[in-house]
């Protein structure tokens, strides 16, 4: 897809505050960079756009359905609400992110964002 490297190959995992058993907690969200760039290198912006566009096209093919939601401000992104998983792809200033989110956690986020907008 691209020769951009992932300079920060970290993955973020968010777990539920309350454990479901003595040892385990539900995973709310996993996020990882599909590509990133060095901050301040505006010449890489077109290539990040290309990475994002190719990624979401491939996600569309794999998921077999159109996105459930999309946005363009303050970042650009797409979201697919599937029966057991919410998949989001987002492009920011310096990276392309993929999020795998539990539907319950996504619903909580949606309700929180809606209440913030209502205030």
PDB file of N, CA and C in Angstrom:
ATOM      1  N   UNK A   1       0.813  -1.185   0.000  1.00  0.00           N
ATOM      2  CA  UNK A   1       0.000   0.000   0.000  1.00  0.00           C
ATOM      3  C   UNK A   1       0.857   1.249   0.000  1.00  0.00           C
ATOM      4  N   UNK A   2       1.875   1.281   0.845  1.00  0.00           N
ATOM      5  CA  UNK A   2       2.700   2.477   0.971  1.00  0.00           C
ATOM      6  C   UNK A   2       4.047   2.076   1.534  1.00  0.00           C
ATOM      7  N   UNK A   3       5.003   2.956   1.373  1.00  0.00           N
ATOM      8  CA  UNK A   3       6.291   2.682   2.001  1.00  0.00           C
ATOM      9  C   UNK A   3       6.470   3.488   3.287  1.00  0.00           C
ATOM     10  N   UNK A   4       5.390   4.126   3.756  1.00  0.00           N
ATOM     11  CA  UNK A   4       5.461   4.811   5.044  1.00  0.00           C
ATOM     12  C   UNK A   4       5.625   3.782   6.155  1.00  0.00           C
ATOM     13  N   UNK A   5       6.550   4.047   7.044  1.00  0.00           N
ATOM     14  CA  UNK A   5       6.750   3.144   8.167  1.00  0.00           C
ATOM     15  C   UNK A   5       5.839   3.532   9.323  1.00  0.00           C
ATOM     16  N   UNK A   6       5.582   2.566  10.173  1.00  0.00           N
ATOM     17  CA  UNK A   6       4.898   2.866  11.425  1.00  0.00           C
ATOM     18  C   UNK A   6       6.011   3.092  12.437  1.00  0.00           C
ATOM     19  N   UNK A   7       6.291   4.370  12.701  1.00  0.00           N
ATOM     20  CA  UNK A   7       7.400   4.727  13.583  1.00  0.00           C
ATOM     21  C   UNK A   7       7.099   4.435  15.044  1.00  0.00           C
ATOM     22  N   UNK A   8       5.827   4.358  15.371  1.00  0.00           N
ATOM     23  CA  UNK A   8       5.411   4.101  16.756  1.00  0.00           C
ATOM     24  C   UNK A   8       4.496   2.879  16.741  1.00  0.00           C
ATOM     25  N   UNK A   9       5.062   1.669  16.772  1.00  0.00           N
ATOM     26  CA  UNK A   9       4.244   0.454  16.618  1.00  0.00           C
ATOM     27  C   UNK A   9       3.525   0.029  17.889  1.00  0.00           C
ATOM     28  N   UNK A  10       3.009   0.990  18.628  1.00  0.00           N
ATOM     29  CA  UNK A  10       2.304   0.658  19.853  1.00  0.00           C
ATOM     30  C   UNK A  10       0.836   0.374  19.578  1.00  0.00           C
ATOM     31  N   UNK A  11       0.240  -0.345  20.496  1.00  0.00           N
ATOM     32  CA  UNK A  11      -1.189  -0.650  20.443  1.00  0.00           C
ATOM     33  C   UNK A  11      -1.779  -0.219  21.776  1.00  0.00           C
ATOM     34  N   UNK A  12      -2.927   0.423  21.726  1.00  0.00           N
ATOM     35  CA  UNK A  12      -3.616   0.806  22.954  1.00  0.00           C
ATOM     36  C   UNK A  12      -4.773  -0.150  23.179  1.00  0.00           C
ATOM     37  N   UNK A  13      -4.886  -0.661  24.391  1.00  0.00           N
ATOM     38  CA  UNK A  13      -5.988  -1.540  24.753  1.00  0.00           C
ATOM     39  C   UNK A  13      -6.671  -0.934  25.971  1.00  0.00           C
ATOM     40  N   UNK A  14      -7.968  -0.758  25.874  1.00  0.00           N
ATOM     41  CA  UNK A  14      -8.753  -0.203  26.966  1.00  0.00           C
ATOM     42  C   UNK A  14      -9.665  -1.301  27.494  1.00  0.00           C
ATOM     43  N   UNK A  15      -9.640  -1.495  28.807  1.00  0.00           N
ATOM     44  CA  UNK A  15     -10.450  -2.544  29.413  1.00  0.00           C
ATOM     45  C   UNK A  15     -11.515  -1.926  30.311  1.00  0.00           C
ATOM     46  N   UNK A  16     -12.531  -2.713  30.602  1.00  0.00           N
ATOM     47  CA  UNK A  16     -13.631  -2.258  31.451  1.00  0.00           C
ATOM     48  C   UNK A  16     -13.126  -1.968  32.862  1.00  0.00           C
ATOM     49  N   UNK A  17     -13.772  -1.022  33.522  1.00  0.00           N
ATOM     50  CA  UNK A  17     -13.394  -0.678  34.896  1.00  0.00           C
ATOM     51  C   UNK A  17     -13.727  -1.793  35.880  1.00  0.00           C
ATOM     52  N   UNK A  18     -14.739  -2.565  35.568  1.00  0.00           N
ATOM     53  CA  UNK A  18     -15.206  -3.619  36.469  1.00  0.00           C
ATOM     54  C   UNK A  18     -14.890  -4.972  35.843  1.00  0.00           C
ATOM     55  N   UNK A  19     -14.269  -5.849  36.622  1.00  0.00           N
ATOM     56  CA  UNK A  19     -13.938  -7.167  36.091  1.00  0.00           C
ATOM     57  C   UNK A  19     -15.178  -8.045  36.037  1.00  0.00           C
ATOM     58  N   UNK A  20     -15.207  -8.930  35.039  1.00  0.00           N
ATOM     59  CA  UNK A  20     -16.332  -9.850  34.900  1.00  0.00           C
ATOM     60  C   UNK A  20     -16.113 -11.112  35.720  1.00  0.00           C
ATOM     61  N   UNK A  21     -14.860 -11.421  36.019  1.00  0.00           N
ATOM     62  CA  UNK A  21     -14.518 -12.525  36.923  1.00  0.00           C
ATOM     63  C   UNK A  21     -13.431 -12.000  37.850  1.00  0.00           C
ATOM     64  N   UNK A  22     -12.864 -12.865  38.649  1.00  0.00           N
ATOM     65  CA  UNK A  22     -11.810 -12.424  39.564  1.00  0.00           C
ATOM     66  C   UNK A  22     -10.581 -11.897  38.831  1.00  0.00           C
ATOM     67  N   UNK A  23     -10.296 -12.431  37.650  1.00  0.00           N
ATOM     68  CA  UNK A  23      -9.058 -12.073  36.965  1.00  0.00           C
ATOM     69  C   UNK A  23      -9.243 -11.320  35.652  1.00  0.00           C
ATOM     70  N   UNK A  24     -10.393 -11.423  35.037  1.00  0.00           N
ATOM     71  CA  UNK A  24     -10.507 -10.860  33.691  1.00  0.00           C
ATOM     72  C   UNK A  24     -11.408  -9.637  33.648  1.00  0.00           C
ATOM     73  N   UNK A  25     -11.134  -8.799  32.660  1.00  0.00           N
ATOM     74  CA  UNK A  25     -11.974  -7.643  32.370  1.00  0.00           C
ATOM     75  C   UNK A  25     -12.301  -7.672  30.886  1.00  0.00           C
ATOM     76  N   UNK A  26     -13.447  -7.155  30.542  1.00  0.00           N
ATOM     77  CA  UNK A  26     -13.831  -7.089  29.133  1.00  0.00           C
ATOM     78  C   UNK A  26     -12.965  -6.050  28.427  1.00  0.00           C
ATOM     79  N   UNK A  27     -12.593  -6.347  27.193  1.00  0.00           N
ATOM     80  CA  UNK A  27     -11.862  -5.374  26.381  1.00  0.00           C
ATOM     81  C   UNK A  27     -12.881  -4.429  25.764  1.00  0.00           C
ATOM     82  N   UNK A  28     -12.719  -3.145  26.027  1.00  0.00           N
ATOM     83  CA  UNK A  28     -13.611  -2.142  25.456  1.00  0.00           C
ATOM     84  C   UNK A  28     -13.158  -1.703  24.072  1.00  0.00           C
ATOM     85  N   UNK A  29     -11.834  -1.561  23.903  1.00  0.00           N
ATOM     86  CA  UNK A  29     -11.340  -1.014  22.648  1.00  0.00           C
ATOM     87  C   UNK A  29      -9.886  -1.393  22.442  1.00  0.00           C
ATOM     88  N   UNK A  30      -9.529  -1.678  21.194  1.00  0.00           N
ATOM     89  CA  UNK A  30      -8.144  -1.863  20.779  1.00  0.00           C
ATOM     90  C   UNK A  30      -7.897  -0.851  19.673  1.00  0.00           C
ATOM     91  N   UNK A  31      -6.818  -0.099  19.776  1.00  0.00           N
ATOM     92  CA  UNK A  31      -6.499   0.903  18.759  1.00  0.00           C
ATOM     93  C   UNK A  31      -5.051   0.720  18.321  1.00  0.00           C
ATOM     94  N   UNK A  32      -4.810   0.830  17.024  1.00  0.00           N
ATOM     95  CA  UNK A  32      -3.440   0.747  16.523  1.00  0.00           C
ATOM     96  C   UNK A  32      -3.270   1.648  15.312  1.00  0.00           C
ATOM     97  N   UNK A  33      -2.026   2.057  15.089  1.00  0.00           N
ATOM     98  CA  UNK A  33      -1.710   2.889  13.936  1.00  0.00           C
ATOM     99  C   UNK A  33      -1.522   2.008  12.714  1.00  0.00           C
ATOM    100  N   UNK A  34      -2.197   2.357  11.627  1.00  0.00           N
ATOM    101  CA  UNK A  34      -1.988   1.664  10.359  1.00  0.00           C
ATOM    102  C   UNK A  34      -0.813   2.292   9.624  1.00  0.00           C
ATOM    103  N   UNK A  35      -0.543   3.548   9.896  1.00  0.00           N
ATOM    104  CA  UNK A  35       0.590   4.269   9.324  1.00  0.00           C
ATOM    105  C   UNK A  35       0.739   5.567  10.085  1.00  0.00           C
ATOM    106  N   UNK A  36       1.959   6.075  10.126  1.00  0.00           N
ATOM    107  CA  UNK A  36       2.155   7.374  10.744  1.00  0.00           C
ATOM    108  C   UNK A  36       3.306   8.090  10.063  1.00  0.00           C
ATOM    109  N   UNK A  37       3.527   9.313  10.457  1.00  0.00           N
ATOM    110  CA  UNK A  37       4.571  10.131   9.859  1.00  0.00           C
ATOM    111  C   UNK A  37       5.223  10.961  10.950  1.00  0.00           C
ATOM    112  N   UNK A  38       6.354  11.521  10.619  1.00  0.00           N
ATOM    113  CA  UNK A  38       7.056  12.375  11.557  1.00  0.00           C
ATOM    114  C   UNK A  38       6.323  13.708  11.637  1.00  0.00           C
ATOM    115  N   UNK A  39       6.051  14.157  12.851  1.00  0.00           N
ATOM    116  CA  UNK A  39       5.358  15.435  13.023  1.00  0.00           C
ATOM    117  C   UNK A  39       6.141  16.552  12.348  1.00  0.00           C
ATOM    118  N   UNK A  40       5.416  17.460  11.742  1.00  0.00           N
ATOM    119  CA  UNK A  40       6.046  18.582  11.068  1.00  0.00           C
ATOM    120  C   UNK A  40       6.423  18.318   9.624  1.00  0.00           C
ATOM    121  N   UNK A  41       6.203  17.107   9.153  1.00  0.00           N
ATOM    122  CA  UNK A  41       6.518  16.776   7.753  1.00  0.00           C
ATOM    123  C   UNK A  41       5.243  16.877   6.937  1.00  0.00           C
ATOM    124  N   UNK A  42       4.863  18.078   6.573  1.00  0.00           N
ATOM    125  CA  UNK A  42       3.619  18.294   5.831  1.00  0.00           C
ATOM    126  C   UNK A  42       3.670  17.691   4.437  1.00  0.00           C
ATOM    127  N   UNK A  43       4.876  17.400   3.935  1.00  0.00           N
ATOM    128  CA  UNK A  43       4.990  16.789   2.611  1.00  0.00           C
ATOM    129  C   UNK A  43       4.454  15.359   2.596  1.00  0.00           C
ATOM    130  N   UNK A  44       4.268  14.750   3.769  1.00  0.00           N
ATOM    131  CA  UNK A  44       3.756  13.382   3.834  1.00  0.00           C
ATOM    132  C   UNK A  44       2.235  13.323   3.913  1.00  0.00           C
ATOM    133  N   UNK A  45       1.581  14.466   4.052  1.00  0.00           N
ATOM    134  CA  UNK A  45       0.126  14.487   4.167  1.00  0.00           C
ATOM    135  C   UNK A  45      -0.573  13.811   2.987  1.00  0.00           C
ATOM    136  N   UNK A  46      -0.161  14.067   1.738  1.00  0.00           N
ATOM    137  CA  UNK A  46      -0.821  13.370   0.623  1.00  0.00           C
ATOM    138  C   UNK A  46      -0.655  11.852   0.694  1.00  0.00           C
ATOM    139  N   UNK A  47       0.506  11.399   1.159  1.00  0.00           N
ATOM    140  CA  UNK A  47       0.715   9.954   1.262  1.00  0.00           C
ATOM    141  C   UNK A  47      -0.117   9.350   2.390  1.00  0.00           C
ATOM    142  N   UNK A  48      -0.272  10.071   3.502  1.00  0.00           N
ATOM    143  CA  UNK A  48      -1.161   9.592   4.564  1.00  0.00           C
ATOM    144  C   UNK A  48      -2.596   9.509   4.059  1.00  0.00           C
ATOM    145  N   UNK A  49      -3.023  10.502   3.278  1.00  0.00           N
ATOM    146  CA  UNK A  49      -4.360  10.448   2.667  1.00  0.00           C
ATOM    147  C   UNK A  49      -4.504   9.210   1.795  1.00  0.00           C
ATOM    148  N   UNK A  50      -3.457   8.901   1.033  1.00  0.00           N
ATOM    149  CA  UNK A  50      -3.479   7.723   0.164  1.00  0.00           C
ATOM    150  C   UNK A  50      -3.589   6.441   0.987  1.00  0.00           C
ATOM    151  N   UNK A  51      -2.850   6.375   2.090  1.00  0.00           N
ATOM    152  CA  UNK A  51      -2.915   5.213   2.986  1.00  0.00           C
ATOM    153  C   UNK A  51      -4.331   5.060   3.535  1.00  0.00           C
ATOM    154  N   UNK A  52      -4.898   6.168   4.015  1.00  0.00           N
ATOM    155  CA  UNK A  52      -6.245   6.130   4.583  1.00  0.00           C
ATOM    156  C   UNK A  52      -7.259   5.668   3.540  1.00  0.00           C
ATOM    157  N   UNK A  53      -7.205   6.244   2.358  1.00  0.00           N
ATOM    158  CA  UNK A  53      -8.159   5.882   1.309  1.00  0.00           C
ATOM    159  C   UNK A  53      -8.047   4.410   0.922  1.00  0.00           C
ATOM    160  N   UNK A  54      -6.814   3.903   0.797  1.00  0.00           N
ATOM    161  CA  UNK A  54      -6.618   2.488   0.459  1.00  0.00           C
ATOM    162  C   UNK A  54      -7.101   1.588   1.598  1.00  0.00           C
ATOM    163  N   UNK A  55      -6.834   1.996   2.839  1.00  0.00           N
ATOM    164  CA  UNK A  55      -7.257   1.210   3.998  1.00  0.00           C
ATOM    165  C   UNK A  55      -8.771   1.099   4.070  1.00  0.00           C
ATOM    166  N   UNK A  56      -9.477   2.222   3.953  1.00  0.00           N
ATOM    167  CA  UNK A  56     -10.933   2.157   4.085  1.00  0.00           C
ATOM    168  C   UNK A  56     -11.568   1.436   2.900  1.00  0.00           C
ATOM    169  N   UNK A  57     -10.948   1.500   1.734  1.00  0.00           N
ATOM    170  CA  UNK A  57     -11.460   0.727   0.598  1.00  0.00           C
ATOM    171  C   UNK A  57     -11.334  -0.766   0.888  1.00  0.00           C
ATOM    172  N   UNK A  58     -10.198  -1.167   1.438  1.00  0.00           N
ATOM    173  CA  UNK A  58      -9.985  -2.577   1.788  1.00  0.00           C
ATOM    174  C   UNK A  58     -10.938  -3.001   2.908  1.00  0.00           C
ATOM    175  N   UNK A  59     -11.166  -2.131   3.876  1.00  0.00           N
ATOM    176  CA  UNK A  59     -12.100  -2.445   4.958  1.00  0.00           C
ATOM    177  C   UNK A  59     -13.508  -2.617   4.399  1.00  0.00           C
ATOM    178  N   UNK A  60     -13.896  -1.752   3.480  1.00  0.00           N
ATOM    179  CA  UNK A  60     -15.205  -1.855   2.835  1.00  0.00           C
ATOM    180  C   UNK A  60     -15.351  -3.216   2.155  1.00  0.00           C
ATOM    181  N   UNK A  61     -14.303  -3.644   1.437  1.00  0.00           N
ATOM    182  CA  UNK A  61     -14.339  -4.944   0.755  1.00  0.00           C
ATOM    183  C   UNK A  61     -14.438  -6.090   1.761  1.00  0.00           C
ATOM    184  N   UNK A  62     -13.663  -6.027   2.837  1.00  0.00           N
ATOM    185  CA  UNK A  62     -13.664  -7.106   3.833  1.00  0.00           C
ATOM    186  C   UNK A  62     -14.955  -7.157   4.641  1.00  0.00           C
ATOM    187  N   UNK A  63     -15.477  -5.995   5.009  1.00  0.00           N
ATOM    188  CA  UNK A  63     -16.674  -5.949   5.848  1.00  0.00           C
ATOM    189  C   UNK A  63     -17.949  -6.139   5.044  1.00  0.00           C
ATOM    190  N   UNK A  64     -17.894  -5.888   3.744  1.00  0.00           N
ATOM    191  CA  UNK A  64     -19.027  -6.154   2.868  1.00  0.00           C
ATOM    192  C   UNK A  64     -20.217  -5.236   3.038  1.00  0.00           C
ATOM    193  N   UNK A  65     -20.004  -4.082   3.616  1.00  0.00           N
ATOM    194  CA  UNK A  65     -21.106  -3.130   3.754  1.00  0.00           C
ATOM    195  C   UNK A  65     -20.558  -1.711   3.799  1.00  0.00           C
ATOM    196  N   UNK A  66     -21.443  -0.784   3.491  1.00  0.00           N
ATOM    197  CA  UNK A  66     -21.068   0.625   3.547  1.00  0.00           C
ATOM    198  C   UNK A  66     -20.915   1.051   5.006  1.00  0.00           C
ATOM    199  N   UNK A  67     -20.126   2.087   5.258  1.00  0.00           N
ATOM    200  CA  UNK A  67     -19.979   2.565   6.634  1.00  0.00           C
ATOM    201  C   UNK A  67     -21.315   3.009   7.218  1.00  0.00           C
ATOM    202  N   UNK A  68     -21.456   2.819   8.511  1.00  0.00           N
ATOM    203  CA  UNK A  68     -22.642   3.238   9.240  1.00  0.00           C
ATOM    204  C   UNK A  68     -22.628   4.744   9.479  1.00  0.00           C
ATOM    205  N   UNK A  69     -21.429   5.291   9.654  1.00  0.00           N
ATOM    206  CA  UNK A  69     -21.281   6.713   9.963  1.00  0.00           C
ATOM    207  C   UNK A  69     -19.961   7.203   9.382  1.00  0.00           C
ATOM    208  N   UNK A  70     -19.869   8.515   9.199  1.00  0.00           N
ATOM    209  CA  UNK A  70     -18.632   9.136   8.737  1.00  0.00           C
ATOM    210  C   UNK A  70     -18.575  10.557   9.271  1.00  0.00           C
ATOM    211  N   UNK A  71     -17.373  11.142   9.300  1.00  0.00           N
ATOM    212  CA  UNK A  71     -17.192  12.513   9.759  1.00  0.00           C
ATOM    213  C   UNK A  71     -15.970  13.114   9.075  1.00  0.00           C
ATOM    214  N   UNK A  72     -15.921  14.437   9.056  1.00  0.00           N
ATOM    215  CA  UNK A  72     -14.789  15.124   8.434  1.00  0.00           C
ATOM    216  C   UNK A  72     -14.151  16.169   9.354  1.00  0.00           C
ATOM    217  N   UNK A  73     -14.729  16.430  10.506  1.00  0.00           N
ATOM    218  CA  UNK A  73     -14.175  17.411  11.442  1.00  0.00           C
ATOM    219  C   UNK A  73     -14.157  16.835  12.849  1.00  0.00           C
ATOM    220  N   UNK A  74     -13.177  17.008  13.657  1.00  0.00           N
ATOM    221  CA  UNK A  74     -11.906  17.668  13.382  1.00  0.00           C
ATOM    222  C   UNK A  74     -10.927  16.761  12.650  1.00  0.00           C
ATOM    223  N   UNK A  75     -11.254  15.478  12.572  1.00  0.00           N
ATOM    224  CA  UNK A  75     -10.463  14.537  11.778  1.00  0.00           C
ATOM    225  C   UNK A  75     -11.400  13.941  10.739  1.00  0.00           C
ATOM    226  N   UNK A  76     -10.879  13.101   9.887  1.00  0.00           N
ATOM    227  CA  UNK A  76     -11.718  12.421   8.896  1.00  0.00           C
ATOM    228  C   UNK A  76     -11.775  10.950   9.279  1.00  0.00           C
ATOM    229  N   UNK A  77     -12.976  10.356   9.231  1.00  0.00           N
ATOM    230  CA  UNK A  77     -13.080   8.966   9.624  1.00  0.00           C
ATOM    231  C   UNK A  77     -14.359   8.305   9.163  1.00  0.00           C
ATOM    232  N   UNK A  78     -14.359   6.990   9.282  1.00  0.00           N
ATOM    233  CA  UNK A  78     -15.506   6.150   8.936  1.00  0.00           C
ATOM    234  C   UNK A  78     -15.740   5.163  10.065  1.00  0.00           C
ATOM    235  N   UNK A  79     -16.988   4.704  10.175  1.00  0.00           N
ATOM    236  CA  UNK A  79     -17.352   3.756  11.234  1.00  0.00           C
ATOM    237  C   UNK A  79     -18.310   2.720  10.678  1.00  0.00           C
ATOM    238  N   UNK A  80     -18.062   1.471  11.040  1.00  0.00           N
ATOM    239  CA  UNK A  80     -18.948   0.370  10.682  1.00  0.00           C
ATOM    240  C   UNK A  80     -19.473  -0.240  11.973  1.00  0.00           C
ATOM    241  N   UNK A  81     -20.779  -0.275  12.151  1.00  0.00           N
ATOM    242  CA  UNK A  81     -21.401  -0.934  13.297  1.00  0.00           C
ATOM    243  C   UNK A  81     -21.806  -2.339  12.865  1.00  0.00           C
ATOM    244  N   UNK A  82     -21.072  -3.322  13.329  1.00  0.00           N
ATOM    245  CA  UNK A  82     -21.344  -4.724  13.013  1.00  0.00           C
ATOM    246  C   UNK A  82     -22.014  -5.366  14.223  1.00  0.00           C
ATOM    247  N   UNK A  83     -22.601  -6.548  14.074  1.00  0.00           N
ATOM    248  CA  UNK A  83     -23.308  -7.168  15.203  1.00  0.00           C
ATOM    249  C   UNK A  83     -22.459  -7.332  16.465  1.00  0.00           C
ATOM    250  N   UNK A  84     -21.211  -7.740  16.355  1.00  0.00           N
ATOM    251  CA  UNK A  84     -20.402  -7.972  17.545  1.00  0.00           C
ATOM    252  C   UNK A  84     -19.206  -7.054  17.686  1.00  0.00           C
ATOM    253  N   UNK A  85     -19.107  -6.028  16.828  1.00  0.00           N
ATOM    254  CA  UNK A  85     -17.909  -5.197  16.815  1.00  0.00           C
ATOM    255  C   UNK A  85     -18.194  -3.888  16.091  1.00  0.00           C
ATOM    256  N   UNK A  86     -17.623  -2.813  16.585  1.00  0.00           N
ATOM    257  CA  UNK A  86     -17.647  -1.537  15.873  1.00  0.00           C
ATOM    258  C   UNK A  86     -16.228  -1.295  15.375  1.00  0.00           C
ATOM    259  N   UNK A  87     -16.088  -1.030  14.088  1.00  0.00           N
ATOM    260  CA  UNK A  87     -14.786  -0.789  13.474  1.00  0.00           C
ATOM    261  C   UNK A  87     -14.741   0.665  13.027  1.00  0.00           C
ATOM    262  N   UNK A  88     -13.695   1.373  13.449  1.00  0.00           N
ATOM    263  CA  UNK A  88     -13.525   2.766  13.038  1.00  0.00           C
ATOM    264  C   UNK A  88     -12.147   2.947  12.430  1.00  0.00           C
ATOM    265  N   UNK A  89     -12.065   3.775  11.402  1.00  0.00           N
ATOM    266  CA  UNK A  89     -10.788   4.181  10.813  1.00  0.00           C
ATOM    267  C   UNK A  89     -10.763   5.695  10.830  1.00  0.00           C
ATOM    268  N   UNK A  90      -9.606   6.263  11.210  1.00  0.00           N
ATOM    269  CA  UNK A  90      -9.502   7.712  11.362  1.00  0.00           C
ATOM    270  C   UNK A  90      -8.139   8.174  10.879  1.00  0.00           C
ATOM    271  N   UNK A  91      -8.113   9.311  10.197  1.00  0.00           N
ATOM    272  CA  UNK A  91      -6.841   9.925   9.827  1.00  0.00           C
ATOM    273  C   UNK A  91      -6.701  11.219  10.598  1.00  0.00           C
ATOM    274  N   UNK A  92      -5.542  11.395  11.198  1.00  0.00           N
ATOM    275  CA  UNK A  92      -5.243  12.617  11.927  1.00  0.00           C
ATOM    276  C   UNK A  92      -4.118  13.369  11.237  1.00  0.00           C
ATOM    277  N   UNK A  93      -3.498  14.265  11.957  1.00  0.00           N
ATOM    278  CA  UNK A  93      -2.436  15.095  11.397  1.00  0.00           C
ATOM    279  C   UNK A  93      -1.218  14.262  11.010  1.00  0.00           C
ATOM    280  N   UNK A  94      -0.917  13.239  11.807  1.00  0.00           N
ATOM    281  CA  UNK A  94       0.323  12.507  11.572  1.00  0.00           C
ATOM    282  C   UNK A  94       0.169  10.997  11.515  1.00  0.00           C
ATOM    283  N   UNK A  95      -1.048  10.473  11.539  1.00  0.00           N
ATOM    284  CA  UNK A  95      -1.194   9.019  11.529  1.00  0.00           C
ATOM    285  C   UNK A  95      -2.583   8.587  11.091  1.00  0.00           C
ATOM    286  N   UNK A  96      -2.651   7.324  10.707  1.00  0.00           N
ATOM    287  CA  UNK A  96      -3.912   6.664  10.375  1.00  0.00           C
ATOM    288  C   UNK A  96      -4.146   5.627  11.467  1.00  0.00           C
ATOM    289  N   UNK A  97      -5.320   5.667  12.075  1.00  0.00           N
ATOM    290  CA  UNK A  97      -5.651   4.778  13.186  1.00  0.00           C
ATOM    291  C   UNK A  97      -6.784   3.837  12.806  1.00  0.00           C
ATOM    292  N   UNK A  98      -6.759   2.642  13.391  1.00  0.00           N
ATOM    293  CA  UNK A  98      -7.861   1.693  13.302  1.00  0.00           C
ATOM    294  C   UNK A  98      -8.280   1.379  14.737  1.00  0.00           C
ATOM    295  N   UNK A  99      -9.582   1.391  14.972  1.00  0.00           N
ATOM    296  CA  UNK A  99     -10.139   1.101  16.295  1.00  0.00           C
ATOM    297  C   UNK A  99     -11.092  -0.082  16.179  1.00  0.00           C
ATOM    298  N   UNK A 100     -10.937  -1.049  17.062  1.00  0.00           N
ATOM    299  CA  UNK A 100     -11.859  -2.175  17.192  1.00  0.00           C
ATOM    300  C   UNK A 100     -12.540  -1.995  18.547  1.00  0.00           C
ATOM    301  N   UNK A 101     -13.840  -1.735  18.538  1.00  0.00           N
ATOM    302  CA  UNK A 101     -14.542  -1.297  19.741  1.00  0.00           C
ATOM    303  C   UNK A 101     -15.707  -2.236  20.044  1.00  0.00           C
ATOM    304  N   UNK A 102     -15.892  -2.550  21.321  1.00  0.00           N
ATOM    305  CA  UNK A 102     -17.061  -3.353  21.690  1.00  0.00           C
ATOM    306  C   UNK A 102     -18.313  -2.503  21.489  1.00  0.00           C
ATOM    307  N   UNK A 103     -19.401  -3.105  21.006  1.00  0.00           N
ATOM    308  CA  UNK A 103     -20.635  -2.331  20.794  1.00  0.00           C
ATOM    309  C   UNK A 103     -21.140  -1.642  22.067  1.00  0.00           C
ATOM    310  N   UNK A 104     -21.012  -2.294  23.219  1.00  0.00           N
ATOM    311  CA  UNK A 104     -21.479  -1.686  24.471  1.00  0.00           C
ATOM    312  C   UNK A 104     -20.665  -0.439  24.807  1.00  0.00           C
ATOM    313  N   UNK A 105     -19.356  -0.522  24.629  1.00  0.00           N
ATOM    314  CA  UNK A 105     -18.495   0.631  24.903  1.00  0.00           C
ATOM    315  C   UNK A 105     -18.769   1.752  23.905  1.00  0.00           C
ATOM    316  N   UNK A 106     -18.998   1.408  22.641  1.00  0.00           N
ATOM    317  CA  UNK A 106     -19.313   2.421  21.638  1.00  0.00           C
ATOM    318  C   UNK A 106     -20.630   3.114  21.965  1.00  0.00           C
ATOM    319  N   UNK A 107     -21.611   2.344  22.422  1.00  0.00           N
ATOM    320  CA  UNK A 107     -22.894   2.931  22.805  1.00  0.00           C
ATOM    321  C   UNK A 107     -22.701   3.909  23.965  1.00  0.00           C
ATOM    322  N   UNK A 108     -21.888   3.524  24.933  1.00  0.00           N
ATOM    323  CA  UNK A 108     -21.596   4.422  26.049  1.00  0.00           C
ATOM    324  C   UNK A 108     -20.941   5.707  25.544  1.00  0.00           C
ATOM    325  N   UNK A 109     -19.953   5.579  24.631  1.00  0.00           N
ATOM    326  CA  UNK A 109     -19.297   6.757  24.056  1.00  0.00           C
ATOM    327  C   UNK A 109     -20.285   7.639  23.310  1.00  0.00           C
ATOM    328  N   UNK A 110     -21.164   7.021  22.526  1.00  0.00           N
ATOM    329  CA  UNK A 110     -22.166   7.782  21.773  1.00  0.00           C
ATOM    330  C   UNK A 110     -23.078   8.568  22.714  1.00  0.00           C
ATOM    331  N   UNK A 111     -23.523   7.919  23.794  1.00  0.00           N
ATOM    332  CA  UNK A 111     -24.397   8.586  24.761  1.00  0.00           C
ATOM    333  C   UNK A 111     -23.665   9.730  25.462  1.00  0.00           C
ATOM    334  N   UNK A 112     -22.400   9.512  25.783  1.00  0.00           N
ATOM    335  CA  UNK A 112     -21.601  10.551  26.430  1.00  0.00           C
ATOM    336  C   UNK A 112     -21.429  11.753  25.499  1.00  0.00           C
ATOM    337  N   UNK A 113     -21.084  11.493  24.238  1.00  0.00           N
ATOM    338  CA  UNK A 113     -20.921  12.581  23.268  1.00  0.00           C
ATOM    339  C   UNK A 113     -22.230  13.330  23.052  1.00  0.00           C
ATOM    340  N   UNK A 114     -23.342  12.603  23.008  1.00  0.00           N
ATOM    341  CA  UNK A 114     -24.642  13.242  22.813  1.00  0.00           C
ATOM    342  C   UNK A 114     -24.995  14.135  23.996  1.00  0.00           C
ATOM    343  N   UNK A 115     -24.730  13.653  25.213  1.00  0.00           N
ATOM    344  CA  UNK A 115     -25.037  14.475  26.392  1.00  0.00           C
ATOM    345  C   UNK A 115     -24.152  15.719  26.437  1.00  0.00           C
ATOM    346  N   UNK A 116     -22.906  15.607  25.979  1.00  0.00           N
ATOM    347  CA  UNK A 116     -22.018  16.772  25.933  1.00  0.00           C
ATOM    348  C   UNK A 116     -22.511  17.793  24.913  1.00  0.00           C
ATOM    349  N   UNK A 117     -23.040  17.312  23.783  1.00  0.00           N
ATOM    350  CA  UNK A 117     -23.576  18.214  22.763  1.00  0.00           C
ATOM    351  C   UNK A 117     -24.842  18.905  23.246  1.00  0.00           C
ATOM    352  N   UNK A 118     -25.640  18.203  24.059  1.00  0.00           N
ATOM    353  CA  UNK A 118     -26.898  18.755  24.554  1.00  0.00           C
ATOM    354  C   UNK A 118     -26.688  19.861  25.585  1.00  0.00           C
ATOM    355  N   UNK A 119     -25.542  19.838  26.253  1.00  0.00           N
ATOM    356  CA  UNK A 119     -25.294  20.829  27.319  1.00  0.00           C
ATOM    357  C   UNK A 119     -24.919  22.178  26.777  1.00  0.00           C
TER     358      UNK A 119
END
